[in-house]
Amino acid sequence: MPTNRLLEKEKVATYASVLLEAAQEAGGQDAVLEIRDQAEQILRIMRTNMDLQSALTDSTYTPEQRATIARGVFASCNSVLTEVLAVMAERGDIELLTRVWNAYCEQLQEKLNVNVVDVTTVVELDDHLREVIKKKAEADLGTNVVLRERVDTSLLGGILMSVGGKRIDASVVSQLENARIVLKQTMDGGEC
C-alpha cells in the first residue's frame, strides 16, 4: 500500500513536536537533551537488533501488544520518550523513528535556539577549554550551545567536533593524513 509522503511528513513533525513540548514541560532543557541522547541510543540499538525491530513492526501482533513491548523495552528511558515510542509502535509508525529524531533535533534548534555539539578528545576537557569551545561554537552557529563530551583514548590528540551532521576533524591522525596526501601529491608532481 503506497503511503502519502505529505501525511508521513506531518506524522514525523507531530511526533517530534509532541516529544519536544512534553519533554520541555516535564523537565525543561535537561529533559529535552536527555530525550535527544536516549533516542540516539535507541536508534543505534534498533539498527543492530533485528528481533526488537521486528517485534515493534510485526503486524501479527496487535497494536496493544506492540505498545506493551515498547513500554517494556524502553521502561528505563524518560517516560515521555517511552510513551511516544509506545504510540508509534501501536500505530505501526516505529520505522519513522530516524526521521522523528532528525525532526526533533531540528525543532530543538529552531524552537529552543540550542545546538548540541559533540566533542571528542583524548582527555577530559578542563573548564577553560570547555568555555573556549562553547563560546566559539555559539559565535559560529549563532545559537546557544550544549557540549556533549566524550573521551576516546584511541585518538592521538586533537579534537573531533560534530553538530547537525557536520563534522570538524582536528585530530592529529587527520592532520597527519592530510600532510601525507599533500606530500604524495608533491612527490607525484615531480617537485621534490
N, C-alpha and C. Protein backbone atom coordinates (compact mmCIF):
# COMPACT_ATOMS: atom_id res chain seq x y z
N MET A 1 0.84 -1.18 0.00
CA MET A 1 0.00 0.00 0.00
C MET A 1 0.89 1.24 0.00
N PRO A 2 0.78 2.11 -0.99
CA PRO A 2 1.60 3.31 -1.04
C PRO A 2 1.23 4.27 0.09
N THR A 3 2.24 4.99 0.56
CA THR A 3 1.99 5.96 1.63
C THR A 3 2.04 7.37 1.06
N ASN A 4 1.27 8.21 1.63
CA ASN A 4 1.25 9.60 1.23
C ASN A 4 2.41 10.30 1.92
N ARG A 5 3.35 10.83 1.13
CA ARG A 5 4.55 11.46 1.70
C ARG A 5 4.21 12.66 2.57
N LEU A 6 3.24 13.41 2.16
CA LEU A 6 2.84 14.58 2.95
C LEU A 6 2.29 14.14 4.31
N LEU A 7 1.50 13.09 4.31
CA LEU A 7 0.95 12.56 5.56
C LEU A 7 2.08 12.06 6.46
N GLU A 8 3.05 11.36 5.88
CA GLU A 8 4.18 10.87 6.67
C GLU A 8 4.98 12.03 7.24
N LYS A 9 5.20 13.06 6.44
CA LYS A 9 5.94 14.22 6.89
C LYS A 9 5.22 14.89 8.06
N GLU A 10 3.91 14.99 7.97
CA GLU A 10 3.12 15.57 9.05
C GLU A 10 3.19 14.71 10.32
N LYS A 11 3.15 13.39 10.15
CA LYS A 11 3.28 12.48 11.30
C LYS A 11 4.61 12.68 11.99
N VAL A 12 5.67 12.73 11.20
CA VAL A 12 7.02 12.91 11.74
C VAL A 12 7.10 14.21 12.53
N ALA A 13 6.62 15.30 11.94
CA ALA A 13 6.65 16.60 12.60
C ALA A 13 5.81 16.59 13.88
N THR A 14 4.68 15.92 13.84
CA THR A 14 3.80 15.85 15.02
C THR A 14 4.46 15.06 16.15
N TYR A 15 5.02 13.89 15.83
CA TYR A 15 5.71 13.10 16.86
C TYR A 15 6.85 13.91 17.47
N ALA A 16 7.64 14.56 16.64
CA ALA A 16 8.78 15.33 17.13
C ALA A 16 8.31 16.49 18.00
N SER A 17 7.28 17.18 17.56
CA SER A 17 6.75 18.32 18.29
C SER A 17 6.18 17.90 19.64
N VAL A 18 5.39 16.84 19.65
CA VAL A 18 4.81 16.34 20.89
C VAL A 18 5.93 15.93 21.85
N LEU A 19 6.93 15.26 21.34
CA LEU A 19 8.06 14.82 22.14
C LEU A 19 8.79 16.02 22.75
N LEU A 20 9.07 17.02 21.94
CA LEU A 20 9.79 18.19 22.41
C LEU A 20 8.98 18.97 23.45
N GLU A 21 7.73 19.23 23.14
CA GLU A 21 6.89 20.02 24.04
C GLU A 21 6.64 19.30 25.36
N ALA A 22 6.38 17.99 25.30
CA ALA A 22 6.15 17.23 26.54
C ALA A 22 7.42 17.13 27.37
N ALA A 23 8.56 16.98 26.72
CA ALA A 23 9.83 16.93 27.44
C ALA A 23 10.12 18.26 28.11
N GLN A 24 9.90 19.34 27.39
CA GLN A 24 10.16 20.66 27.95
C GLN A 24 9.24 20.93 29.14
N GLU A 25 7.99 20.53 29.01
CA GLU A 25 7.04 20.72 30.10
C GLU A 25 7.39 19.85 31.31
N ALA A 26 7.85 18.64 31.04
CA ALA A 26 8.15 17.71 32.13
C ALA A 26 9.44 18.04 32.87
N GLY A 27 10.44 18.55 32.15
CA GLY A 27 11.71 18.76 32.83
C GLY A 27 12.61 19.82 32.24
N GLY A 28 12.06 20.67 31.38
CA GLY A 28 12.85 21.75 30.81
C GLY A 28 13.93 21.26 29.86
N GLN A 29 14.94 22.07 29.68
CA GLN A 29 16.00 21.77 28.72
C GLN A 29 16.74 20.48 29.06
N ASP A 30 16.91 20.19 30.34
CA ASP A 30 17.59 18.95 30.72
C ASP A 30 16.85 17.73 30.20
N ALA A 31 15.53 17.72 30.33
CA ALA A 31 14.74 16.58 29.83
C ALA A 31 14.78 16.51 28.31
N VAL A 32 14.74 17.67 27.66
CA VAL A 32 14.80 17.72 26.19
C VAL A 32 16.10 17.09 25.70
N LEU A 33 17.21 17.45 26.35
CA LEU A 33 18.51 16.92 25.95
C LEU A 33 18.66 15.44 26.33
N GLU A 34 18.09 15.06 27.45
CA GLU A 34 18.12 13.65 27.86
C GLU A 34 17.40 12.79 26.82
N ILE A 35 16.25 13.24 26.37
CA ILE A 35 15.49 12.51 25.36
C ILE A 35 16.26 12.44 24.06
N ARG A 36 16.91 13.51 23.69
CA ARG A 36 17.72 13.51 22.47
C ARG A 36 18.78 12.41 22.54
N ASP A 37 19.49 12.35 23.66
CA ASP A 37 20.55 11.36 23.82
C ASP A 37 19.98 9.94 23.87
N GLN A 38 18.89 9.76 24.58
CA GLN A 38 18.28 8.42 24.67
C GLN A 38 17.75 7.96 23.32
N ALA A 39 17.13 8.85 22.58
CA ALA A 39 16.60 8.48 21.26
C ALA A 39 17.74 8.09 20.32
N GLU A 40 18.86 8.78 20.42
CA GLU A 40 20.02 8.45 19.60
C GLU A 40 20.53 7.03 19.94
N GLN A 41 20.56 6.69 21.22
CA GLN A 41 20.97 5.34 21.63
C GLN A 41 19.98 4.30 21.14
N ILE A 42 18.70 4.61 21.23
CA ILE A 42 17.67 3.67 20.77
C ILE A 42 17.80 3.42 19.28
N LEU A 43 18.09 4.45 18.52
CA LEU A 43 18.28 4.28 17.07
C LEU A 43 19.43 3.31 16.79
N ARG A 44 20.54 3.45 17.54
CA ARG A 44 21.67 2.53 17.35
C ARG A 44 21.27 1.10 17.68
N ILE A 45 20.52 0.94 18.74
CA ILE A 45 20.06 -0.40 19.14
C ILE A 45 19.13 -0.98 18.09
N MET A 46 18.21 -0.16 17.61
CA MET A 46 17.23 -0.63 16.62
C MET A 46 17.91 -1.06 15.32
N ARG A 47 18.99 -0.38 14.94
CA ARG A 47 19.70 -0.73 13.71
C ARG A 47 20.39 -2.08 13.81
N THR A 48 20.76 -2.47 15.02
CA THR A 48 21.53 -3.71 15.18
C THR A 48 20.72 -4.86 15.76
N ASN A 49 19.56 -4.59 16.31
CA ASN A 49 18.75 -5.64 16.93
C ASN A 49 17.50 -5.90 16.08
N MET A 50 17.64 -6.83 15.16
CA MET A 50 16.54 -7.12 14.24
C MET A 50 15.33 -7.73 14.95
N ASP A 51 15.56 -8.48 16.03
CA ASP A 51 14.43 -9.05 16.77
C ASP A 51 13.55 -7.95 17.36
N LEU A 52 14.19 -6.95 17.94
CA LEU A 52 13.43 -5.83 18.51
C LEU A 52 12.70 -5.07 17.41
N GLN A 53 13.41 -4.78 16.35
CA GLN A 53 12.81 -4.06 15.23
C GLN A 53 11.61 -4.84 14.68
N SER A 54 11.77 -6.14 14.53
CA SER A 54 10.67 -6.98 14.02
C SER A 54 9.48 -6.97 14.97
N ALA A 55 9.76 -7.10 16.26
CA ALA A 55 8.67 -7.16 17.24
C ALA A 55 7.86 -5.86 17.24
N LEU A 56 8.53 -4.74 17.06
CA LEU A 56 7.83 -3.45 17.11
C LEU A 56 7.10 -3.11 15.81
N THR A 57 7.38 -3.86 14.75
CA THR A 57 6.71 -3.61 13.48
C THR A 57 5.85 -4.77 13.01
N ASP A 58 5.91 -5.88 13.71
CA ASP A 58 5.22 -7.11 13.29
C ASP A 58 3.70 -6.94 13.32
N SER A 59 3.08 -7.07 12.17
CA SER A 59 1.62 -6.88 12.09
C SER A 59 0.84 -8.07 12.65
N THR A 60 1.52 -9.17 12.96
CA THR A 60 0.81 -10.29 13.59
C THR A 60 0.54 -10.01 15.07
N TYR A 61 1.30 -9.07 15.64
CA TYR A 61 0.99 -8.62 17.00
C TYR A 61 -0.11 -7.58 16.90
N THR A 62 -0.94 -7.52 17.92
CA THR A 62 -1.96 -6.47 17.95
C THR A 62 -1.27 -5.14 18.24
N PRO A 63 -1.90 -4.04 17.90
CA PRO A 63 -1.32 -2.74 18.23
C PRO A 63 -1.00 -2.60 19.73
N GLU A 64 -1.90 -3.13 20.56
CA GLU A 64 -1.70 -3.05 22.01
C GLU A 64 -0.47 -3.86 22.43
N GLN A 65 -0.25 -5.01 21.80
CA GLN A 65 0.92 -5.83 22.13
C GLN A 65 2.21 -5.11 21.73
N ARG A 66 2.21 -4.48 20.57
CA ARG A 66 3.40 -3.73 20.15
C ARG A 66 3.69 -2.58 21.12
N ALA A 67 2.63 -1.89 21.57
CA ALA A 67 2.81 -0.80 22.53
C ALA A 67 3.35 -1.33 23.86
N THR A 68 2.86 -2.47 24.29
CA THR A 68 3.32 -3.09 25.53
C THR A 68 4.79 -3.49 25.42
N ILE A 69 5.18 -4.03 24.28
CA ILE A 69 6.59 -4.38 24.05
C ILE A 69 7.46 -3.13 24.15
N ALA A 70 7.04 -2.06 23.49
CA ALA A 70 7.81 -0.81 23.52
C ALA A 70 7.93 -0.27 24.94
N ARG A 71 6.82 -0.29 25.68
CA ARG A 71 6.86 0.21 27.07
C ARG A 71 7.80 -0.64 27.92
N GLY A 72 7.79 -1.93 27.71
CA GLY A 72 8.66 -2.83 28.48
C GLY A 72 10.13 -2.64 28.14
N VAL A 73 10.44 -2.60 26.85
CA VAL A 73 11.83 -2.49 26.41
C VAL A 73 12.42 -1.13 26.78
N PHE A 74 11.64 -0.08 26.67
CA PHE A 74 12.16 1.27 26.89
C PHE A 74 11.74 1.86 28.23
N ALA A 75 11.40 1.00 29.19
CA ALA A 75 10.93 1.45 30.50
C ALA A 75 11.95 2.30 31.25
N SER A 76 13.23 2.07 31.02
CA SER A 76 14.25 2.84 31.74
C SER A 76 14.51 4.22 31.12
N CYS A 77 13.91 4.48 29.98
CA CYS A 77 14.08 5.79 29.32
C CYS A 77 13.16 6.82 29.96
N ASN A 78 13.36 8.07 29.59
CA ASN A 78 12.48 9.14 30.01
C ASN A 78 11.05 8.73 29.67
N SER A 79 10.12 8.93 30.61
CA SER A 79 8.74 8.46 30.43
C SER A 79 8.06 9.09 29.21
N VAL A 80 8.42 10.32 28.89
CA VAL A 80 7.84 10.98 27.71
C VAL A 80 8.26 10.22 26.45
N LEU A 81 9.53 9.89 26.35
CA LEU A 81 10.03 9.14 25.20
C LEU A 81 9.41 7.76 25.14
N THR A 82 9.32 7.10 26.28
CA THR A 82 8.72 5.76 26.32
C THR A 82 7.30 5.78 25.77
N GLU A 83 6.52 6.77 26.18
CA GLU A 83 5.12 6.83 25.73
C GLU A 83 5.02 7.15 24.23
N VAL A 84 5.85 8.04 23.74
CA VAL A 84 5.81 8.35 22.30
C VAL A 84 6.22 7.12 21.49
N LEU A 85 7.24 6.39 21.96
CA LEU A 85 7.65 5.17 21.27
C LEU A 85 6.53 4.12 21.29
N ALA A 86 5.82 4.03 22.41
CA ALA A 86 4.70 3.08 22.51
C ALA A 86 3.60 3.43 21.52
N VAL A 87 3.29 4.71 21.42
CA VAL A 87 2.26 5.15 20.46
C VAL A 87 2.71 4.87 19.03
N MET A 88 3.98 5.15 18.75
CA MET A 88 4.49 4.89 17.40
C MET A 88 4.42 3.41 17.07
N ALA A 89 4.78 2.55 18.02
CA ALA A 89 4.72 1.10 17.79
C ALA A 89 3.27 0.66 17.61
N GLU A 90 2.40 1.18 18.43
CA GLU A 90 0.98 0.84 18.37
C GLU A 90 0.38 1.20 17.00
N ARG A 91 0.77 2.34 16.48
CA ARG A 91 0.22 2.81 15.21
C ARG A 91 0.99 2.31 13.99
N GLY A 92 2.01 1.51 14.22
CA GLY A 92 2.80 0.98 13.10
C GLY A 92 3.73 2.01 12.49
N ASP A 93 4.15 2.98 13.29
CA ASP A 93 4.99 4.06 12.78
C ASP A 93 6.43 4.01 13.29
N ILE A 94 6.84 2.93 13.93
CA ILE A 94 8.17 2.89 14.53
C ILE A 94 9.28 3.04 13.48
N GLU A 95 9.00 2.68 12.24
CA GLU A 95 10.02 2.84 11.19
C GLU A 95 10.29 4.31 10.87
N LEU A 96 9.49 5.20 11.39
CA LEU A 96 9.70 6.64 11.21
C LEU A 96 10.65 7.23 12.26
N LEU A 97 11.15 6.40 13.16
CA LEU A 97 11.92 6.89 14.30
C LEU A 97 13.13 7.73 13.89
N THR A 98 13.87 7.32 12.89
CA THR A 98 15.04 8.09 12.45
C THR A 98 14.60 9.49 12.00
N ARG A 99 13.55 9.55 11.24
CA ARG A 99 13.06 10.85 10.77
C ARG A 99 12.52 11.69 11.91
N VAL A 100 11.88 11.05 12.89
CA VAL A 100 11.37 11.77 14.06
C VAL A 100 12.54 12.34 14.85
N TRP A 101 13.61 11.55 15.02
CA TRP A 101 14.78 12.03 15.74
C TRP A 101 15.40 13.23 15.03
N ASN A 102 15.52 13.16 13.71
CA ASN A 102 16.07 14.28 12.93
C ASN A 102 15.19 15.53 13.08
N ALA A 103 13.88 15.35 13.00
CA ALA A 103 12.95 16.48 13.15
C ALA A 103 13.02 17.04 14.57
N TYR A 104 13.18 16.18 15.55
CA TYR A 104 13.31 16.60 16.94
C TYR A 104 14.55 17.50 17.11
N CYS A 105 15.66 17.07 16.53
CA CYS A 105 16.89 17.87 16.61
C CYS A 105 16.73 19.21 15.91
N GLU A 106 16.04 19.23 14.77
CA GLU A 106 15.79 20.49 14.06
C GLU A 106 14.91 21.41 14.90
N GLN A 107 13.87 20.85 15.51
CA GLN A 107 12.98 21.66 16.34
C GLN A 107 13.69 22.15 17.60
N LEU A 108 14.59 21.35 18.12
CA LEU A 108 15.39 21.76 19.27
C LEU A 108 16.15 23.04 18.93
N GLN A 109 16.72 23.07 17.74
CA GLN A 109 17.47 24.26 17.32
C GLN A 109 16.52 25.43 17.05
N GLU A 110 15.44 25.17 16.31
CA GLU A 110 14.54 26.24 15.91
C GLU A 110 13.74 26.83 17.07
N LYS A 111 13.15 25.96 17.88
CA LYS A 111 12.25 26.43 18.93
C LYS A 111 12.97 26.85 20.21
N LEU A 112 14.06 26.17 20.54
CA LEU A 112 14.77 26.46 21.78
C LEU A 112 16.09 27.20 21.55
N ASN A 113 16.46 27.38 20.28
CA ASN A 113 17.70 28.07 19.92
C ASN A 113 18.92 27.39 20.56
N VAL A 114 18.95 26.06 20.48
CA VAL A 114 20.03 25.28 21.09
C VAL A 114 20.57 24.28 20.07
N ASN A 115 21.89 24.21 19.99
CA ASN A 115 22.56 23.18 19.21
C ASN A 115 23.37 22.32 20.16
N VAL A 116 23.37 21.03 19.93
CA VAL A 116 24.21 20.12 20.70
C VAL A 116 25.45 19.86 19.88
N VAL A 117 26.60 20.14 20.47
CA VAL A 117 27.88 19.93 19.79
C VAL A 117 28.57 18.75 20.47
N ASP A 118 28.82 17.70 19.69
CA ASP A 118 29.54 16.54 20.19
C ASP A 118 31.02 16.83 20.09
N VAL A 119 31.73 16.69 21.21
CA VAL A 119 33.16 16.97 21.27
C VAL A 119 33.86 15.71 21.77
N THR A 120 34.80 15.21 20.96
CA THR A 120 35.57 14.03 21.34
C THR A 120 37.04 14.41 21.43
N THR A 121 37.63 14.10 22.57
CA THR A 121 39.04 14.38 22.80
C THR A 121 39.69 13.16 23.44
N VAL A 122 41.02 13.17 23.52
CA VAL A 122 41.75 12.06 24.11
C VAL A 122 41.74 12.12 25.64
N VAL A 123 41.58 13.31 26.20
CA VAL A 123 41.48 13.51 27.65
C VAL A 123 40.27 14.39 27.94
N GLU A 124 39.84 14.41 29.19
CA GLU A 124 38.71 15.25 29.56
C GLU A 124 39.06 16.73 29.37
N LEU A 125 38.08 17.51 28.97
CA LEU A 125 38.27 18.95 28.81
C LEU A 125 38.34 19.60 30.19
N ASP A 126 39.20 20.61 30.32
CA ASP A 126 39.18 21.40 31.55
C ASP A 126 38.16 22.52 31.35
N ASP A 127 37.85 23.21 32.43
CA ASP A 127 36.81 24.25 32.37
C ASP A 127 37.13 25.35 31.38
N HIS A 128 38.40 25.76 31.31
CA HIS A 128 38.80 26.84 30.40
C HIS A 128 38.59 26.42 28.94
N LEU A 129 39.08 25.24 28.58
CA LEU A 129 38.94 24.78 27.19
C LEU A 129 37.47 24.55 26.84
N ARG A 130 36.72 24.03 27.78
CA ARG A 130 35.28 23.82 27.57
C ARG A 130 34.60 25.15 27.24
N GLU A 131 34.94 26.19 27.99
CA GLU A 131 34.35 27.51 27.78
C GLU A 131 34.77 28.10 26.43
N VAL A 132 36.05 27.93 26.06
CA VAL A 132 36.55 28.43 24.78
C VAL A 132 35.80 27.75 23.63
N ILE A 133 35.65 26.43 23.69
CA ILE A 133 34.95 25.68 22.64
C ILE A 133 33.50 26.12 22.56
N LYS A 134 32.86 26.26 23.71
CA LYS A 134 31.45 26.64 23.75
C LYS A 134 31.23 28.03 23.14
N LYS A 135 32.06 29.00 23.54
CA LYS A 135 31.91 30.36 23.02
C LYS A 135 32.17 30.42 21.52
N LYS A 136 33.17 29.70 21.05
CA LYS A 136 33.48 29.68 19.62
C LYS A 136 32.31 29.05 18.84
N ALA A 137 31.79 27.95 19.34
CA ALA A 137 30.66 27.28 18.67
C ALA A 137 29.43 28.18 18.67
N GLU A 138 29.15 28.85 19.77
CA GLU A 138 27.99 29.75 19.83
C GLU A 138 28.14 30.90 18.83
N ALA A 139 29.35 31.43 18.72
CA ALA A 139 29.59 32.51 17.76
C ALA A 139 29.43 32.02 16.33
N ASP A 140 29.94 30.84 16.04
CA ASP A 140 29.86 30.29 14.69
C ASP A 140 28.44 29.89 14.31
N LEU A 141 27.69 29.33 15.26
CA LEU A 141 26.36 28.81 14.97
C LEU A 141 25.25 29.83 15.19
N GLY A 142 25.52 30.84 15.98
CA GLY A 142 24.51 31.85 16.27
C GLY A 142 23.39 31.35 17.17
N THR A 143 23.67 30.31 17.94
CA THR A 143 22.69 29.76 18.87
C THR A 143 23.38 29.45 20.18
N ASN A 144 22.57 29.11 21.18
CA ASN A 144 23.13 28.58 22.41
C ASN A 144 23.69 27.19 22.11
N VAL A 145 24.70 26.79 22.84
CA VAL A 145 25.34 25.51 22.59
C VAL A 145 25.43 24.71 23.87
N VAL A 146 25.14 23.43 23.75
CA VAL A 146 25.36 22.48 24.82
C VAL A 146 26.41 21.51 24.31
N LEU A 147 27.48 21.35 25.07
CA LEU A 147 28.53 20.43 24.67
C LEU A 147 28.23 19.04 25.23
N ARG A 148 28.37 18.06 24.38
CA ARG A 148 28.28 16.66 24.81
C ARG A 148 29.67 16.09 24.61
N GLU A 149 30.33 15.85 25.72
CA GLU A 149 31.74 15.48 25.69
C GLU A 149 31.93 13.97 25.75
N ARG A 150 32.91 13.51 25.00
CA ARG A 150 33.31 12.10 25.02
C ARG A 150 34.83 12.04 25.04
N VAL A 151 35.35 11.07 25.74
CA VAL A 151 36.78 10.81 25.73
C VAL A 151 37.02 9.56 24.92
N ASP A 152 37.95 9.64 23.97
CA ASP A 152 38.32 8.50 23.13
C ASP A 152 39.84 8.37 23.20
N THR A 153 40.30 7.41 23.98
CA THR A 153 41.75 7.26 24.19
C THR A 153 42.47 6.74 22.95
N SER A 154 41.73 6.35 21.92
CA SER A 154 42.38 5.88 20.69
C SER A 154 42.86 7.05 19.82
N LEU A 155 42.39 8.27 20.13
CA LEU A 155 42.87 9.44 19.40
C LEU A 155 44.32 9.72 19.82
N LEU A 156 45.13 10.14 18.88
CA LEU A 156 46.49 10.53 19.23
C LEU A 156 46.52 11.89 19.90
N GLY A 157 45.58 12.71 19.59
CA GLY A 157 45.48 14.06 20.14
C GLY A 157 44.56 14.87 19.27
N GLY A 158 44.34 16.12 19.65
CA GLY A 158 43.46 16.97 18.87
C GLY A 158 42.02 16.82 19.33
N ILE A 159 41.10 17.17 18.43
CA ILE A 159 39.68 17.21 18.80
C ILE A 159 38.82 16.88 17.59
N LEU A 160 37.73 16.16 17.84
CA LEU A 160 36.70 15.90 16.84
C LEU A 160 35.43 16.58 17.33
N MET A 161 34.78 17.34 16.46
CA MET A 161 33.53 18.00 16.83
C MET A 161 32.51 17.76 15.73
N SER A 162 31.26 17.58 16.13
CA SER A 162 30.20 17.47 15.14
C SER A 162 28.93 18.12 15.67
N VAL A 163 28.19 18.68 14.73
CA VAL A 163 26.91 19.31 15.05
C VAL A 163 26.04 19.23 13.81
N GLY A 164 24.82 18.78 14.00
CA GLY A 164 23.87 18.73 12.89
C GLY A 164 24.37 17.96 11.68
N GLY A 165 25.10 16.88 11.91
CA GLY A 165 25.60 16.07 10.81
C GLY A 165 26.88 16.59 10.17
N LYS A 166 27.35 17.74 10.61
CA LYS A 166 28.60 18.30 10.08
C LYS A 166 29.71 17.98 11.07
N ARG A 167 30.86 17.60 10.53
CA ARG A 167 31.96 17.16 11.37
C ARG A 167 33.20 18.01 11.13
N ILE A 168 33.85 18.40 12.21
CA ILE A 168 35.13 19.10 12.15
C ILE A 168 36.15 18.17 12.78
N ASP A 169 37.12 17.74 11.99
CA ASP A 169 38.12 16.80 12.46
C ASP A 169 39.46 17.52 12.57
N ALA A 170 39.84 17.85 13.79
CA ALA A 170 41.13 18.49 14.04
C ALA A 170 42.00 17.55 14.87
N SER A 171 41.84 16.24 14.62
CA SER A 171 42.64 15.27 15.35
C SER A 171 44.02 15.18 14.72
N VAL A 172 44.97 14.69 15.48
CA VAL A 172 46.34 14.53 14.99
C VAL A 172 46.36 13.54 13.82
N VAL A 173 45.58 12.46 13.93
CA VAL A 173 45.53 11.48 12.85
C VAL A 173 45.07 12.13 11.55
N SER A 174 44.04 12.95 11.63
CA SER A 174 43.52 13.63 10.45
C SER A 174 44.57 14.58 9.87
N GLN A 175 45.26 15.31 10.74
CA GLN A 175 46.28 16.24 10.28
C GLN A 175 47.45 15.50 9.63
N LEU A 176 47.83 14.34 10.20
CA LEU A 176 48.90 13.54 9.60
C LEU A 176 48.47 12.99 8.23
N GLU A 177 47.22 12.55 8.13
CA GLU A 177 46.71 12.03 6.86
C GLU A 177 46.68 13.13 5.80
N ASN A 178 46.27 14.33 6.18
CA ASN A 178 46.28 15.46 5.24
C ASN A 178 47.70 15.79 4.79
N ALA A 179 48.64 15.75 5.72
CA ALA A 179 50.05 16.01 5.36
C ALA A 179 50.56 14.93 4.41
N ARG A 180 50.19 13.67 4.66
CA ARG A 180 50.60 12.57 3.79
C ARG A 180 50.07 12.78 2.37
N ILE A 181 48.83 13.20 2.26
CA ILE A 181 48.22 13.42 0.94
C ILE A 181 48.94 14.55 0.22
N VAL A 182 49.23 15.65 0.92
CA VAL A 182 49.93 16.78 0.31
C VAL A 182 51.32 16.35 -0.14
N LEU A 183 52.03 15.61 0.71
CA LEU A 183 53.37 15.15 0.34
C LEU A 183 53.32 14.22 -0.87
N LYS A 184 52.35 13.32 -0.89
CA LYS A 184 52.23 12.39 -2.01
C LYS A 184 51.96 13.16 -3.32
N GLN A 185 51.07 14.15 -3.25
CA GLN A 185 50.77 14.95 -4.44
C GLN A 185 52.01 15.71 -4.90
N THR A 186 52.78 16.21 -3.97
CA THR A 186 54.01 16.94 -4.29
C THR A 186 55.02 15.99 -4.94
N MET A 187 55.15 14.79 -4.38
CA MET A 187 56.10 13.80 -4.91
C MET A 187 55.67 13.36 -6.31
N ASP A 188 54.35 13.14 -6.48
CA ASP A 188 53.85 12.70 -7.80
C ASP A 188 54.02 13.79 -8.86
N GLY A 189 54.01 15.02 -8.42
CA GLY A 189 54.15 16.15 -9.33
C GLY A 189 55.60 16.40 -9.73
N GLY A 190 56.51 15.67 -9.14
CA GLY A 190 57.92 15.78 -9.50
C GLY A 190 58.58 17.02 -8.96
N GLU A 191 58.01 17.65 -7.96
CA GLU A 191 58.60 18.87 -7.43
C GLU A 191 59.71 18.59 -6.43
N CYS A 192 59.88 17.35 -5.95
CA CYS A 192 60.92 17.06 -4.97
C CYS A 192 62.08 16.32 -5.59
